[in-house]
């Protein structure tokens, strides 16, 4: 059963969620983890792809929208992809969430995002996952 970390952001701004996701993915990659950033739709995939190119001007974070037979350490898309760490930005649980080592849920102060996050928290809890909550103040 994976460890599930909920990161609760104090703002409703979607740009804060995107920036935090980029920081989290970059840190995980530097620690040697393969990452799947699960997005809600193609527009979110495109925003995150662009953000990973630009969020840290001092470094290159290897990523893409396809796994490239496992050669891409950070994959951003809506479809199932490899990765020990799943950063879930979708509104539901990933079908294979129980096969992951770790899951990160990034929740903003936006009411719809919070409600969907609460539902996923209950689903993880009922399945017996180890849950941790982190409040992130910007």
Protein backbone atom coordinates (compact mmCIF):
# COMPACT_ATOMS: atom_id res chain seq x y z
CA UNK A 1 0.00 0.00 0.00
CA UNK A 2 1.50 3.37 -0.97
CA UNK A 3 2.14 6.30 1.30
CA UNK A 4 -0.18 9.18 0.36
CA UNK A 5 0.82 12.78 1.11
CA UNK A 6 -1.74 15.56 0.87
CA UNK A 7 -0.18 18.99 0.35
CA UNK A 8 -2.71 21.66 1.30
CA UNK A 9 -1.92 25.04 -0.25
CA UNK A 10 -3.30 28.17 1.41
CA UNK A 11 -4.26 29.86 -1.88
CA UNK A 12 -6.84 29.11 -4.55
CA UNK A 13 -4.59 30.23 -7.43
CA UNK A 14 -4.03 27.36 -9.92
CA UNK A 15 -0.57 28.80 -10.70
CA UNK A 16 0.49 28.04 -7.11
CA UNK A 17 -0.58 24.41 -7.59
CA UNK A 18 1.38 24.21 -10.84
CA UNK A 19 4.51 25.74 -9.27
CA UNK A 20 4.34 23.44 -6.23
CA UNK A 21 3.87 20.43 -8.51
CA UNK A 22 6.98 21.41 -10.48
CA UNK A 23 9.03 21.79 -7.28
CA UNK A 24 7.82 18.42 -5.97
CA UNK A 25 8.50 16.61 -9.26
CA UNK A 26 11.97 18.14 -9.57
CA UNK A 27 12.86 17.15 -6.00
CA UNK A 28 11.64 13.58 -6.56
CA UNK A 29 13.63 13.31 -9.81
CA UNK A 30 16.77 14.56 -8.03
CA UNK A 31 16.20 11.82 -5.45
CA UNK A 32 16.14 9.23 -8.24
CA UNK A 33 12.40 8.61 -8.46
CA UNK A 34 10.44 8.25 -11.66
CA UNK A 35 7.38 10.49 -11.57
CA UNK A 36 3.98 10.41 -13.24
CA UNK A 37 2.10 13.70 -13.04
CA UNK A 38 -1.51 12.72 -13.68
CA UNK A 39 -3.42 15.63 -15.14
CA UNK A 40 -7.13 16.24 -15.51
CA UNK A 41 -7.01 17.15 -19.20
CA UNK A 42 -4.82 18.07 -22.17
CA UNK A 43 -4.79 21.78 -21.28
CA UNK A 44 -3.39 21.01 -17.82
CA UNK A 45 -0.81 18.68 -19.41
CA UNK A 46 0.34 21.49 -21.69
CA UNK A 47 0.53 24.02 -18.81
CA UNK A 48 2.66 21.67 -16.71
CA UNK A 49 4.90 20.76 -19.64
CA UNK A 50 5.59 24.47 -20.21
CA UNK A 51 5.99 25.17 -16.49
CA UNK A 52 8.63 22.46 -16.05
CA UNK A 53 10.69 24.14 -18.79
CA UNK A 54 10.50 27.55 -17.14
CA UNK A 55 9.93 27.31 -13.37
CA UNK A 56 13.65 26.98 -12.48
CA UNK A 57 15.87 28.99 -14.78
CA UNK A 58 19.03 27.53 -13.24
CA UNK A 59 18.38 23.87 -14.08
CA UNK A 60 16.97 21.46 -16.64
CA UNK A 61 14.27 19.06 -15.45
CA UNK A 62 13.91 16.16 -17.93
CA UNK A 63 10.24 15.51 -18.68
CA UNK A 64 7.71 14.92 -21.40
CA UNK A 65 4.18 13.82 -22.16
CA UNK A 66 5.11 10.22 -23.02
CA UNK A 67 7.18 7.61 -21.18
CA UNK A 68 9.54 6.93 -24.13
CA UNK A 69 9.88 3.26 -23.12
CA UNK A 70 10.90 4.29 -19.59
CA UNK A 71 13.54 6.82 -20.67
CA UNK A 72 11.51 9.83 -19.54
CA UNK A 73 11.91 10.30 -15.75
CA UNK A 74 8.94 12.67 -15.41
CA UNK A 75 5.82 11.96 -17.48
CA UNK A 76 2.92 14.40 -17.63
CA UNK A 77 -0.40 13.17 -19.03
CA UNK A 78 -3.89 11.87 -18.31
CA UNK A 79 -3.16 8.24 -19.30
CA UNK A 80 -1.60 5.59 -17.07
CA UNK A 81 2.17 6.00 -17.05
CA UNK A 82 5.10 4.52 -15.16
CA UNK A 83 6.46 6.10 -12.00
CA UNK A 84 7.13 5.25 -8.37
CA UNK A 85 5.67 8.64 -7.41
CA UNK A 86 2.24 9.61 -8.70
CA UNK A 87 1.43 13.30 -8.40
CA UNK A 88 -2.32 13.24 -8.85
CA UNK A 89 -3.84 16.44 -10.20
CA UNK A 90 -6.91 14.64 -11.50
CA UNK A 91 -10.30 14.68 -9.76
CA UNK A 92 -10.36 10.94 -9.07
CA UNK A 93 -8.03 8.15 -8.01
CA UNK A 94 -5.74 6.67 -10.65
CA UNK A 95 -6.83 3.14 -11.58
CA UNK A 96 -3.47 1.67 -10.50
CA UNK A 97 -2.83 3.86 -7.46
CA UNK A 98 -2.23 0.85 -5.18
CA UNK A 99 0.76 -0.24 -7.29
CA UNK A 100 2.63 3.05 -6.64
CA UNK A 101 5.24 3.57 -3.92
CA UNK A 102 4.07 7.09 -3.13
CA UNK A 103 1.25 9.40 -4.09
CA UNK A 104 1.12 13.16 -3.76
CA UNK A 105 -2.15 15.06 -3.83
CA UNK A 106 -1.87 18.85 -4.18
CA UNK A 107 -4.96 20.65 -2.93
CA UNK A 108 -5.62 24.39 -3.27
CA UNK A 109 -8.04 26.62 -1.36
CA UNK A 110 -10.42 26.48 -4.36
CA UNK A 111 -13.66 24.93 -3.09
CA UNK A 112 -14.08 22.45 -5.98
CA UNK A 113 -10.48 21.26 -5.61
CA UNK A 114 -10.91 20.87 -1.83
CA UNK A 115 -14.15 18.90 -2.18
CA UNK A 116 -12.63 16.52 -4.73
CA UNK A 117 -9.55 16.18 -2.50
CA UNK A 118 -11.68 15.33 0.53
CA UNK A 119 -13.44 12.60 -1.46
CA UNK A 120 -10.08 11.10 -2.52
CA UNK A 121 -8.81 11.33 1.08
CA UNK A 122 -11.81 9.26 2.23
CA UNK A 123 -11.24 6.73 -0.57
CA UNK A 124 -7.57 6.31 0.37
CA UNK A 125 -8.45 6.11 4.05
CA UNK A 126 -11.11 3.43 3.49
CA UNK A 127 -8.60 1.40 1.46
CA UNK A 128 -6.12 1.49 4.36
CA UNK A 129 -3.44 3.76 2.84
CA UNK A 130 -0.98 5.57 5.13
CA UNK A 131 -2.03 9.22 4.92
CA UNK A 132 -0.07 12.35 5.84
CA UNK A 133 -1.19 15.96 5.53
CA UNK A 134 1.19 18.90 5.03
CA UNK A 135 0.02 22.51 5.17
CA UNK A 136 1.99 24.69 2.75
CA UNK A 137 1.91 28.45 3.38
CA UNK A 138 3.16 30.76 0.66
